[in-house]
Amino acid sequence: MTDGLQLERCPICGKAATVIHMVDTYDRADYGWDAGCAAAKANDGIHQDMNKVRIMAMPSKEAAVIAWNIKARKVRAENGN
């Protein structure tokens, strides 16, 4: 991933997470890096709290990966997994 960093899997469903750079192609606005569950969709019945399955607007890819991994571990611990 980024210098040996790997994304933790989703703490809710166990599926792979992704990291993407959010850039508006029209005005070239840079919204930073987002990371989270690739399978999460609002109101999907599995990911009840979308804030638990995503990280948004991080300044770098590495920061997004680190923040996601911390969040994934915290949510997993809260859920007793």
Protein backbone atom coordinates (compact mmCIF):
# COMPACT_ATOMS: atom_id res chain seq x y z
CA MET A 1 0.00 0.00 0.00
CA THR A 2 1.98 3.01 1.25
CA ASP A 3 5.52 2.22 2.40
CA GLY A 4 4.44 -1.13 3.76
CA LEU A 5 1.20 0.11 5.33
CA GLN A 6 -1.82 -2.06 4.65
CA LEU A 7 -5.46 -1.19 5.17
CA GLU A 8 -7.30 -3.09 7.86
CA ARG A 9 -10.46 -4.84 6.68
CA CYS A 10 -13.86 -3.34 7.52
CA PRO A 11 -14.58 -3.88 11.23
CA ILE A 12 -18.29 -4.30 10.48
CA CYS A 13 -18.46 -6.68 7.51
CA GLY A 14 -14.86 -7.88 7.17
CA LYS A 15 -14.56 -6.88 3.51
CA ALA A 16 -11.61 -5.03 2.00
CA ALA A 17 -11.13 -1.32 2.52
CA THR A 18 -9.96 1.16 -0.10
CA VAL A 19 -8.20 4.49 -0.15
CA ILE A 20 -8.90 7.10 -2.82
CA HIS A 21 -7.83 10.64 -3.64
CA MET A 22 -10.87 12.89 -3.92
CA VAL A 23 -10.33 15.51 -6.63
CA ASP A 24 -13.07 17.40 -8.44
CA THR A 25 -12.30 16.98 -12.13
CA TYR A 26 -14.22 20.13 -13.06
CA ASP A 27 -12.54 22.75 -10.90
CA ARG A 28 -9.56 20.65 -9.74
CA ALA A 29 -10.51 21.12 -6.09
CA ASP A 30 -8.57 18.73 -3.88
CA TYR A 31 -10.73 17.23 -1.13
CA GLY A 32 -7.97 15.07 0.31
CA TRP A 33 -7.75 11.32 0.78
CA ASP A 34 -10.62 9.09 1.93
CA ALA A 35 -10.39 5.54 3.23
CA GLY A 36 -12.98 3.02 4.30
CA CYS A 37 -15.03 -0.05 3.54
CA ALA A 38 -15.34 -0.60 -0.19
CA ALA A 39 -18.66 -2.38 0.28
CA ALA A 40 -20.34 0.20 2.53
CA LYS A 41 -23.44 1.86 1.14
CA ALA A 42 -25.80 4.12 3.07
CA ASN A 43 -28.87 2.26 4.34
CA ASP A 44 -27.50 -1.15 3.31
CA GLY A 45 -28.65 -2.74 6.57
CA ILE A 46 -25.09 -3.75 7.52
CA HIS A 47 -23.19 -0.48 7.90
CA GLN A 48 -25.63 1.33 10.20
CA ASP A 49 -23.21 4.13 11.14
CA MET A 50 -21.29 5.30 8.08
CA ASN A 51 -18.95 7.29 10.34
CA LYS A 52 -17.61 3.96 11.63
CA VAL A 53 -16.66 2.73 8.18
CA ARG A 54 -14.95 5.72 6.57
CA ILE A 55 -12.31 8.38 7.05
CA MET A 56 -12.55 11.55 4.99
CA ALA A 57 -10.41 14.51 3.87
CA MET A 58 -7.02 13.36 5.12
CA PRO A 59 -4.00 15.35 3.85
CA SER A 60 -2.12 12.35 2.42
CA LYS A 61 -2.59 8.73 1.43
CA GLU A 62 -0.42 7.63 4.33
CA ALA A 63 -2.47 9.70 6.80
CA ALA A 64 -5.70 8.17 5.45
CA VAL A 65 -4.34 4.63 5.84
CA ILE A 66 -3.11 5.28 9.38
CA ALA A 67 -6.37 7.00 10.43
CA TRP A 68 -8.46 4.19 8.90
CA ASN A 69 -6.45 1.48 10.64
CA ILE A 70 -6.83 3.23 14.00
CA LYS A 71 -10.58 3.63 13.45
CA ALA A 72 -11.02 0.03 12.27
CA ARG A 73 -9.22 -1.32 15.36
CA LYS A 74 -11.24 0.94 17.66
CA VAL A 75 -14.59 -0.09 16.14
CA ARG A 76 -13.55 -3.75 16.21
CA ALA A 77 -12.68 -3.43 19.92
CA GLU A 78 -15.99 -1.65 20.66
CA ASN A 79 -17.85 -4.50 18.96
CA GLY A 80 -15.85 -7.12 20.86
CA ASN A 81 -14.19 -8.51 17.74
